[in-house]
Amino acid sequence: MTVVAAILDPYITDWLNLLIRSLHVIAAIAWIGASFYFVLLDQSLEAPTRVEDLRDGVGGELWEVHGGGFYHVKKYKIAPPVLPSHLAWFKWEAYTTWLSGFGLMVVLYYLNARAYLIDPEVADLTPWQAVAISVGLLIAAWVVYDVLCRGFIRHRVVLWILVVAFTALAAWGCAQLFQPRAAFLQVGAMIGTIMAGNVFFNIIPAHWELINAKKAGRDPDPFPGVVAKQRSVHNNYFTLPVVFTMIAGHFAFTYGVERAWIVLLVIMFVGILSRLFFNLRHQGRTIWTIPVSCVVVLVALGVAIRPDQTATGTGSATVSFREVEPIVEQRCATCHSVAPTQSGFSTAPAGVVLDTPEQISARADDIERVVSSNSMPLGNVTGMTDEERTALLAWVVQGATQTP
């Protein structure tokens, strides 16, 4: 794995990161937007008023205004009397999102697994083992979820309980295998794989069943449509939890705490409740206790995981900048430098440079946050010791103003 990482020039990696990430974000916006819109549409339909529509099998309609014009949308119970010559499909957004997301996993995590995926303090894994486990978990996520759906398709409450329990198990398990930031992303990738699998294996085949039945002049099998609707609703609720895992890497205070997997589950739960609020609102049911509950939960979570600054060195001996500077130079500036020496980096991550005393002092609060949460150095690749962490934190708490 390290040989492969060495072959891939860091500057090329940066460009691949930019291009694939841009494609991933654009495709995800399109996919999530379509999901949100069609759930809104489906839950806002009203009974048709025209006799012709009833005769043609229209199950619901909705008048909309947008972009300076009116739109009249109809949904057929099964299919229109005559198939149109052109149909707009909503599948490439899903496929592109998953493929680009997996591409990012390869470029950023798999090809540099020792820095981004593995934490020796969490699990003793080689890069190949970590990558194999990660890919295996993606496959297992779809298989387990699909089996649960097939077995409990008529028991929605039981199915949701089992899906939540499986997600909790996945969050806990990934926390035992990977470094915290990677664990969050792994869980999100597993759910994203489930969502893409729903589109590829269930939703799109159900559409083809409708089209082929209409072309053949036979009644379509209703079961694929029932399954497709169920999986589409699931995808709608999965979206916000997955979005959080996509951005969580920028917020070390969420994944750098003890039992971070519980933090992940709580924030995912808030995301699901948020979608529930809007989905019910589309049906004309506005339940304000839902967003209020979300706020209460987030405030409680914020209080629970707030760092204990009283334990970071206020009572210890004074730590001078001269003691801190070599620690930063050896453990941090190998990546966070104008000219990084750490393999896999061509520029300082997030633009954070720690080359000079002034730059180090200016970033004291950032240093305190990532060091106290153990989120930096990544996978502790530079071998920062507990004593060095304590010294850094004590220096920050004591003022972090001393420079040569």
Protein backbone atom coordinates (compact mmCIF):
# COMPACT_ATOMS: atom_id res chain seq x y z
CA MET A 1 0.00 0.00 0.00
CA THR A 2 2.82 2.41 0.82
CA VAL A 3 4.36 1.64 -2.60
CA VAL A 4 1.11 2.57 -4.31
CA ALA A 5 0.87 5.76 -2.27
CA ALA A 6 4.43 6.68 -3.24
CA ILE A 7 3.67 6.19 -6.93
CA LEU A 8 0.75 8.62 -6.74
CA ASP A 9 2.33 12.08 -6.57
CA PRO A 10 0.78 14.25 -3.80
CA TYR A 11 0.14 17.08 -6.25
CA ILE A 12 -1.78 14.71 -8.52
CA THR A 13 -3.67 13.49 -5.48
CA ASP A 14 -4.69 17.06 -4.68
CA TRP A 15 -6.07 17.51 -8.19
CA LEU A 16 -7.90 14.19 -8.07
CA ASN A 17 -9.32 15.20 -4.70
CA LEU A 18 -10.57 18.50 -6.12
CA LEU A 19 -12.08 17.05 -9.30
CA ILE A 20 -13.66 13.94 -7.81
CA ARG A 21 -14.93 15.80 -4.76
CA SER A 22 -16.52 18.45 -6.99
CA LEU A 23 -18.24 15.76 -9.05
CA HIS A 24 -19.34 14.01 -5.86
CA VAL A 25 -20.85 17.15 -4.34
CA ILE A 26 -22.62 18.18 -7.56
CA ALA A 27 -24.08 14.71 -8.11
CA ALA A 28 -25.11 14.45 -4.45
CA ILE A 29 -26.92 17.79 -4.63
CA ALA A 30 -28.82 16.60 -7.70
CA TRP A 31 -29.68 13.24 -6.12
CA ILE A 32 -30.76 14.66 -2.76
CA GLY A 33 -32.69 17.46 -4.46
CA ALA A 34 -34.60 14.95 -6.58
CA SER A 35 -35.31 12.80 -3.51
CA PHE A 36 -36.62 15.73 -1.51
CA TYR A 37 -38.73 16.99 -4.41
CA PHE A 38 -40.39 13.72 -5.29
CA VAL A 39 -41.23 12.92 -1.68
CA LEU A 40 -42.75 16.40 -1.36
CA LEU A 41 -44.63 15.82 -4.61
CA ASP A 42 -45.89 12.41 -3.60
CA GLN A 43 -47.11 13.64 -0.22
CA SER A 44 -48.72 16.80 -1.59
CA LEU A 45 -50.84 15.22 -4.32
CA GLU A 46 -54.53 15.95 -4.35
CA ALA A 47 -57.30 13.88 -5.90
CA PRO A 48 -57.81 14.72 -9.59
CA THR A 49 -60.86 16.84 -10.44
CA ARG A 50 -61.24 16.22 -14.17
CA VAL A 51 -63.29 13.24 -15.34
CA GLU A 52 -60.78 12.61 -18.12
CA ASP A 53 -57.96 12.25 -15.61
CA LEU A 54 -59.96 9.83 -13.50
CA ARG A 55 -60.74 7.78 -16.59
CA ASP A 56 -57.08 7.71 -17.63
CA GLY A 57 -55.99 6.41 -14.22
CA VAL A 58 -54.53 9.57 -12.68
CA GLY A 59 -54.11 8.98 -8.96
CA GLY A 60 -53.20 12.51 -7.92
CA GLU A 61 -52.20 15.94 -9.19
CA LEU A 62 -50.46 19.04 -7.95
CA TRP A 63 -50.36 22.61 -9.20
CA GLU A 64 -47.04 24.36 -8.61
CA VAL A 65 -45.60 27.79 -9.33
CA HIS A 66 -41.88 28.28 -9.85
CA GLY A 67 -39.52 30.30 -11.99
CA GLY A 68 -42.20 32.63 -13.28
CA GLY A 69 -44.60 29.93 -14.44
CA PHE A 70 -47.21 27.36 -13.43
CA TYR A 71 -46.72 23.60 -13.53
CA HIS A 72 -49.41 20.94 -13.48
CA VAL A 73 -48.01 17.58 -12.33
CA LYS A 74 -49.96 14.34 -12.48
CA LYS A 75 -49.17 10.93 -11.02
CA TYR A 76 -50.79 7.84 -12.53
CA LYS A 77 -51.89 4.97 -10.34
CA ILE A 78 -50.07 2.56 -12.63
CA ALA A 79 -49.24 3.96 -16.07
CA PRO A 80 -50.75 6.39 -18.62
CA PRO A 81 -52.93 4.99 -21.42
CA VAL A 82 -50.14 5.65 -23.92
CA LEU A 83 -46.46 5.74 -23.02
CA PRO A 84 -44.78 9.06 -23.88
CA SER A 85 -41.93 9.08 -26.38
CA HIS A 86 -39.59 10.59 -23.81
CA LEU A 87 -39.21 9.75 -20.14
CA ALA A 88 -36.95 11.61 -17.69
CA TRP A 89 -35.03 9.12 -15.56
CA PHE A 90 -33.57 9.89 -12.18
CA LYS A 91 -30.78 7.39 -11.71
CA TRP A 92 -27.50 8.80 -12.97
CA GLU A 93 -27.38 11.22 -10.04
CA ALA A 94 -27.35 8.26 -7.66
CA TYR A 95 -24.82 6.24 -9.62
CA THR A 96 -22.49 9.20 -10.08
CA THR A 97 -22.69 10.10 -6.40
CA TRP A 98 -21.72 6.60 -5.30
CA LEU A 99 -18.98 6.11 -7.91
CA SER A 100 -17.39 9.48 -7.19
CA GLY A 101 -17.68 8.88 -3.43
CA PHE A 102 -15.96 5.53 -3.76
CA GLY A 103 -13.33 7.20 -5.93
CA LEU A 104 -12.65 9.66 -3.12
CA MET A 105 -12.34 6.78 -0.65
CA VAL A 106 -9.73 5.20 -2.91
CA VAL A 107 -7.70 8.36 -3.53
CA LEU A 108 -7.81 9.82 -0.02
CA TYR A 109 -8.18 6.84 2.32
CA TYR A 110 -7.24 3.60 0.59
CA LEU A 111 -4.06 4.82 -1.15
CA ASN A 112 -2.89 6.46 2.07
CA ALA A 113 -4.52 4.15 4.57
CA ARG A 114 -1.73 4.39 7.12
CA ALA A 115 -2.33 8.12 7.55
CA TYR A 116 -6.08 8.39 7.05
CA LEU A 117 -7.68 5.04 7.81
CA ILE A 118 -5.58 3.26 10.43
CA ASP A 119 -5.02 4.23 14.03
CA PRO A 120 -2.62 1.82 15.78
CA GLU A 121 -4.15 2.78 19.11
CA VAL A 122 -7.55 1.61 17.86
CA ALA A 123 -6.70 -1.58 15.94
CA ASP A 124 -3.51 -3.27 14.77
CA LEU A 125 -4.21 -3.43 11.03
CA THR A 126 -2.04 -3.34 7.95
CA PRO A 127 -3.12 -1.00 5.13
CA TRP A 128 -4.32 -3.92 3.02
CA GLN A 129 -6.34 -5.34 5.88
CA ALA A 130 -7.95 -1.98 6.62
CA VAL A 131 -8.91 -1.44 2.97
CA ALA A 132 -10.26 -4.98 2.61
CA ILE A 133 -12.37 -4.57 5.76
CA SER A 134 -13.67 -1.21 4.55
CA VAL A 135 -14.73 -2.58 1.15
CA GLY A 136 -16.17 -5.70 2.77
CA LEU A 137 -18.28 -3.57 5.11
CA LEU A 138 -19.72 -1.66 2.14
CA ILE A 139 -20.86 -4.91 0.57
CA ALA A 140 -22.09 -6.32 3.88
CA ALA A 141 -24.13 -3.19 4.55
CA TRP A 142 -26.18 -3.67 1.38
CA VAL A 143 -26.60 -7.44 1.89
CA VAL A 144 -27.77 -7.13 5.51
CA TYR A 145 -30.09 -4.21 4.77
CA ASP A 146 -31.61 -5.94 1.74
CA VAL A 147 -32.22 -9.14 3.71
CA LEU A 148 -33.92 -7.15 6.49
CA CYS A 149 -36.15 -5.36 4.00
CA ARG A 150 -37.16 -8.56 2.27
CA GLY A 151 -37.91 -10.28 5.55
CA PHE A 152 -39.88 -7.45 7.17
CA ILE A 153 -41.41 -5.61 4.20
CA ARG A 154 -44.88 -5.74 5.79
CA HIS A 155 -43.69 -4.73 9.25
CA ARG A 156 -42.45 -1.16 8.87
CA VAL A 157 -41.90 -0.40 12.54
CA VAL A 158 -39.98 -3.62 13.15
CA LEU A 159 -37.94 -3.00 10.00
CA TRP A 160 -36.96 0.52 11.10
CA ILE A 161 -35.98 -0.74 14.55
CA LEU A 162 -33.75 -3.38 12.96
CA VAL A 163 -32.21 -0.88 10.53
CA VAL A 164 -31.45 1.51 13.39
CA ALA A 165 -29.95 -1.33 15.43
CA PHE A 166 -27.80 -2.38 12.47
CA THR A 167 -26.62 1.22 12.00
CA ALA A 168 -25.72 1.42 15.68
CA LEU A 169 -23.77 -1.83 15.39
CA ALA A 170 -21.98 -0.49 12.31
CA ALA A 171 -21.07 2.77 14.08
CA TRP A 172 -19.71 0.90 17.10
CA GLY A 173 -17.85 -1.64 14.98
CA CYS A 174 -16.20 0.96 12.74
CA ALA A 175 -15.06 2.82 15.87
CA GLN A 176 -13.21 -0.36 16.92
CA LEU A 177 -11.48 -0.67 13.54
CA PHE A 178 -10.60 2.74 12.12
CA GLN A 179 -9.43 6.12 13.34
CA PRO A 180 -12.43 8.22 14.44
CA ARG A 181 -12.76 10.49 11.40
CA ALA A 182 -12.50 7.53 9.04
CA ALA A 183 -15.04 5.61 11.13
CA PHE A 184 -17.62 8.35 10.64
CA LEU A 185 -17.02 8.39 6.90
CA GLN A 186 -17.11 4.58 6.70
CA VAL A 187 -20.58 4.49 8.27
CA GLY A 188 -21.75 7.19 5.86
CA ALA A 189 -20.30 5.25 2.92
CA MET A 190 -22.14 2.13 4.07
CA ILE A 191 -25.45 4.00 4.16
CA GLY A 192 -24.65 5.63 0.82
CA THR A 193 -24.02 2.18 -0.64
CA ILE A 194 -27.42 1.08 0.64
CA MET A 195 -29.03 4.11 -1.02
CA ALA A 196 -27.33 3.49 -4.36
CA GLY A 197 -28.21 -0.20 -4.11
CA ASN A 198 -31.85 0.70 -3.61
CA VAL A 199 -31.80 2.68 -6.83
CA PHE A 200 -29.89 0.10 -8.86
CA PHE A 201 -31.49 -3.12 -7.62
CA ASN A 202 -35.03 -2.04 -6.77
CA ILE A 203 -36.24 1.39 -7.86
CA ILE A 204 -35.04 1.39 -11.48
CA PRO A 205 -36.04 -2.29 -12.11
CA ALA A 206 -39.53 -1.44 -10.81
CA HIS A 207 -39.73 1.36 -13.38
CA TRP A 208 -38.70 -1.02 -16.13
CA GLU A 209 -41.38 -3.48 -15.03
CA LEU A 210 -44.03 -0.78 -15.52
CA ILE A 211 -42.67 0.16 -18.95
CA ASN A 212 -42.24 -3.41 -20.20
CA ALA A 213 -45.69 -4.43 -18.96
CA LYS A 214 -47.26 -1.47 -20.73
CA LYS A 215 -45.42 -2.28 -23.96
CA ALA A 216 -46.46 -5.93 -23.73
CA GLY A 217 -50.09 -5.06 -23.02
CA ARG A 218 -50.18 -6.89 -19.70
CA ASP A 219 -50.88 -5.84 -16.14
CA PRO A 220 -47.63 -4.98 -14.35
CA ASP A 221 -46.55 -6.88 -11.27
CA PRO A 222 -47.38 -4.46 -8.40
CA PHE A 223 -44.83 -5.90 -5.96
CA PRO A 224 -41.70 -4.22 -7.43
CA GLY A 225 -43.51 -0.89 -7.23
CA VAL A 226 -44.32 -1.43 -3.56
CA VAL A 227 -40.70 -2.28 -2.83
CA ALA A 228 -39.46 0.69 -4.88
CA LYS A 229 -41.68 3.07 -2.92
CA GLN A 230 -40.44 1.66 0.39
CA ARG A 231 -36.78 1.94 -0.64
CA SER A 232 -37.31 5.46 -1.99
CA VAL A 233 -38.74 6.58 1.36
CA HIS A 234 -35.81 4.96 3.15
CA ASN A 235 -33.38 6.86 0.93
CA ASN A 236 -35.15 10.09 1.77
CA TYR A 237 -34.55 9.55 5.49
CA PHE A 238 -30.96 8.41 4.97
CA THR A 239 -29.88 11.57 3.15
CA LEU A 240 -29.19 13.94 6.06
CA PRO A 241 -27.27 11.36 8.13
CA VAL A 242 -25.05 10.69 5.11
CA VAL A 243 -24.55 14.41 4.47
CA PHE A 244 -23.33 14.82 8.05
CA THR A 245 -20.72 12.08 7.63
CA MET A 246 -19.53 13.86 4.46
CA ILE A 247 -18.78 17.07 6.37
CA ALA A 248 -17.96 15.67 9.82
CA GLY A 249 -14.24 15.52 9.02
CA HIS A 250 -14.12 19.30 9.44
CA PHE A 251 -15.43 19.12 13.02
CA ALA A 252 -13.01 17.27 15.26
CA PHE A 253 -15.10 18.02 18.35
CA THR A 254 -17.68 15.51 17.10
CA TYR A 255 -15.43 12.55 16.27
CA GLY A 256 -12.56 13.25 18.64
CA VAL A 257 -14.39 12.48 21.87
CA GLU A 258 -14.74 9.29 23.86
CA ARG A 259 -17.47 7.04 22.45
CA ALA A 260 -17.71 9.18 19.33
CA TRP A 261 -19.90 6.54 17.71
CA ILE A 262 -22.70 7.57 20.07
CA VAL A 263 -22.27 11.19 18.96
CA LEU A 264 -22.59 10.02 15.36
CA LEU A 265 -25.81 8.14 16.10
CA VAL A 266 -27.33 11.10 17.96
CA ILE A 267 -26.64 13.53 15.10
CA MET A 268 -27.94 10.99 12.56
CA PHE A 269 -31.10 10.65 14.63
CA VAL A 270 -31.58 14.43 14.57
CA GLY A 271 -31.18 14.34 10.78
CA ILE A 272 -33.88 11.68 10.47
CA LEU A 273 -36.21 13.65 12.74
CA SER A 274 -35.62 16.74 10.59
CA ARG A 275 -36.74 14.86 7.49
CA LEU A 276 -39.76 13.50 9.38
CA PHE A 277 -40.80 17.05 10.27
CA PHE A 278 -40.71 18.21 6.66
CA ASN A 279 -42.33 15.06 5.30
CA LEU A 280 -45.23 15.43 7.72
CA ARG A 281 -45.46 19.12 6.88
CA HIS A 282 -45.86 18.23 3.21
CA GLN A 283 -48.92 16.24 4.29
CA GLY A 284 -50.35 19.25 6.10
CA ARG A 285 -49.25 18.13 9.57
CA THR A 286 -46.91 20.62 11.23
CA ILE A 287 -45.58 19.16 14.48
CA TRP A 288 -43.38 21.80 16.10
CA THR A 289 -42.35 19.49 18.92
CA ILE A 290 -40.08 17.71 16.44
CA PRO A 291 -37.73 20.64 15.67
CA VAL A 292 -37.88 21.73 19.31
CA SER A 293 -36.82 18.23 20.35
CA CYS A 294 -33.97 18.35 17.80
CA VAL A 295 -32.70 21.60 19.30
CA VAL A 296 -32.91 20.19 22.84
CA VAL A 297 -31.02 17.06 21.82
CA LEU A 298 -28.27 19.04 20.07
CA VAL A 299 -27.87 21.41 23.02
CA ALA A 300 -27.67 18.47 25.40
CA LEU A 301 -25.11 16.80 23.14
CA GLY A 302 -23.08 19.99 22.97
CA VAL A 303 -22.97 20.23 26.75
CA ALA A 304 -22.12 16.54 27.12
CA ILE A 305 -19.10 16.57 24.78
CA ARG A 306 -17.75 20.01 25.69
CA PRO A 307 -14.02 19.65 26.44
CA ASP A 308 -13.02 19.88 30.08
CA GLN A 309 -10.51 22.70 29.92
CA THR A 310 -9.84 22.50 33.65
CA ALA A 311 -8.00 19.24 33.03
CA THR A 312 -5.66 20.49 30.30
CA GLY A 313 -2.86 21.95 32.31
CA THR A 314 -4.00 25.00 34.28
CA GLY A 315 -2.48 23.62 37.45
CA SER A 316 0.70 22.20 35.95
CA ALA A 317 4.12 23.78 35.73
CA THR A 318 4.52 26.60 33.26
CA VAL A 319 5.32 25.38 29.75
CA SER A 320 7.34 27.78 27.63
CA PHE A 321 7.13 28.23 23.91
CA ARG A 322 10.69 26.92 23.58
CA GLU A 323 9.42 23.59 24.92
CA VAL A 324 6.44 23.57 22.57
CA GLU A 325 8.15 24.61 19.35
CA PRO A 326 10.12 21.38 18.74
CA ILE A 327 6.98 19.31 19.44
CA VAL A 328 5.06 21.21 16.78
CA GLU A 329 8.01 20.98 14.40
CA GLN A 330 8.37 17.22 14.78
CA ARG A 331 4.74 16.15 15.18
CA CYS A 332 2.67 18.75 13.32
CA ALA A 333 4.73 20.73 10.80
CA THR A 334 5.64 17.64 8.80
CA CYS A 335 2.18 18.10 7.23
CA HIS A 336 1.30 21.66 8.21
CA SER A 337 4.09 23.40 6.37
CA VAL A 338 4.63 25.37 3.19
CA ALA A 339 6.72 22.39 2.10
CA PRO A 340 5.35 19.26 3.84
CA THR A 341 7.76 16.38 4.37
CA GLN A 342 5.07 13.83 5.26
CA SER A 343 4.35 11.33 2.49
CA GLY A 344 1.08 11.99 0.67
CA PHE A 345 0.98 15.76 1.17
CA SER A 346 2.01 18.46 -1.29
CA THR A 347 0.34 21.36 0.55
CA ALA A 348 -0.62 22.07 4.14
CA PRO A 349 -4.00 20.48 5.00
CA ALA A 350 -6.78 23.09 5.22
CA GLY A 351 -4.14 25.74 4.56
CA VAL A 352 -2.90 25.56 8.17
CA VAL A 353 0.83 26.36 8.23
CA LEU A 354 2.89 26.01 11.43
CA ASP A 355 6.37 26.98 10.25
CA THR A 356 7.00 30.08 12.36
CA PRO A 357 6.48 30.99 16.02
CA GLU A 358 3.90 33.57 14.99
CA GLN A 359 1.93 31.01 12.97
CA ILE A 360 2.02 28.53 15.84
CA SER A 361 0.79 31.09 18.39
CA ALA A 362 -1.94 32.30 16.06
CA ARG A 363 -3.23 28.71 15.78
CA ALA A 364 -3.07 27.94 19.51
CA ASP A 365 -6.83 27.44 19.85
CA ASP A 366 -6.90 25.12 16.82
CA ILE A 367 -3.96 23.17 18.23
CA GLU A 368 -5.74 22.78 21.56
CA ARG A 369 -8.91 21.52 19.89
CA VAL A 370 -7.36 18.84 17.67
CA VAL A 371 -4.72 17.73 20.17
CA SER A 372 -7.17 17.35 23.05
CA SER A 373 -9.51 15.31 20.83
CA ASN A 374 -6.62 13.10 19.58
CA SER A 375 -7.77 13.81 16.04
CA MET A 376 -4.32 15.10 15.12
CA PRO A 377 -1.81 13.97 14.05
CA LEU A 378 -3.82 11.78 11.67
CA GLY A 379 -3.53 8.23 12.89
CA ASN A 380 -0.72 9.62 15.05
CA VAL A 381 1.64 8.91 12.15
CA THR A 382 4.27 11.21 13.65
CA GLY A 383 4.14 9.48 17.03
CA MET A 384 3.05 12.28 19.35
CA THR A 385 3.32 11.07 22.94
CA ASP A 386 0.89 11.67 25.79
CA GLU A 387 3.51 13.84 27.49
CA GLU A 388 3.81 16.01 24.39
CA ARG A 389 0.03 16.38 24.19
CA THR A 390 -0.07 17.42 27.82
CA ALA A 391 2.67 20.00 27.24
CA LEU A 392 0.90 21.48 24.23
CA LEU A 393 -2.41 21.71 26.06
CA ALA A 394 -0.79 23.24 29.13
CA TRP A 395 0.91 25.87 26.97
CA VAL A 396 -2.41 26.80 25.35
CA VAL A 397 -4.33 26.99 28.63
CA GLN A 398 -1.57 29.05 30.24
CA GLY A 399 -1.85 31.73 27.61
CA ALA A 400 -0.03 30.55 24.48
CA THR A 401 1.50 33.97 24.09
CA GLN A 402 5.14 33.22 24.83
CA THR A 403 7.26 33.29 21.68
CA PRO A 404 11.02 33.70 21.32
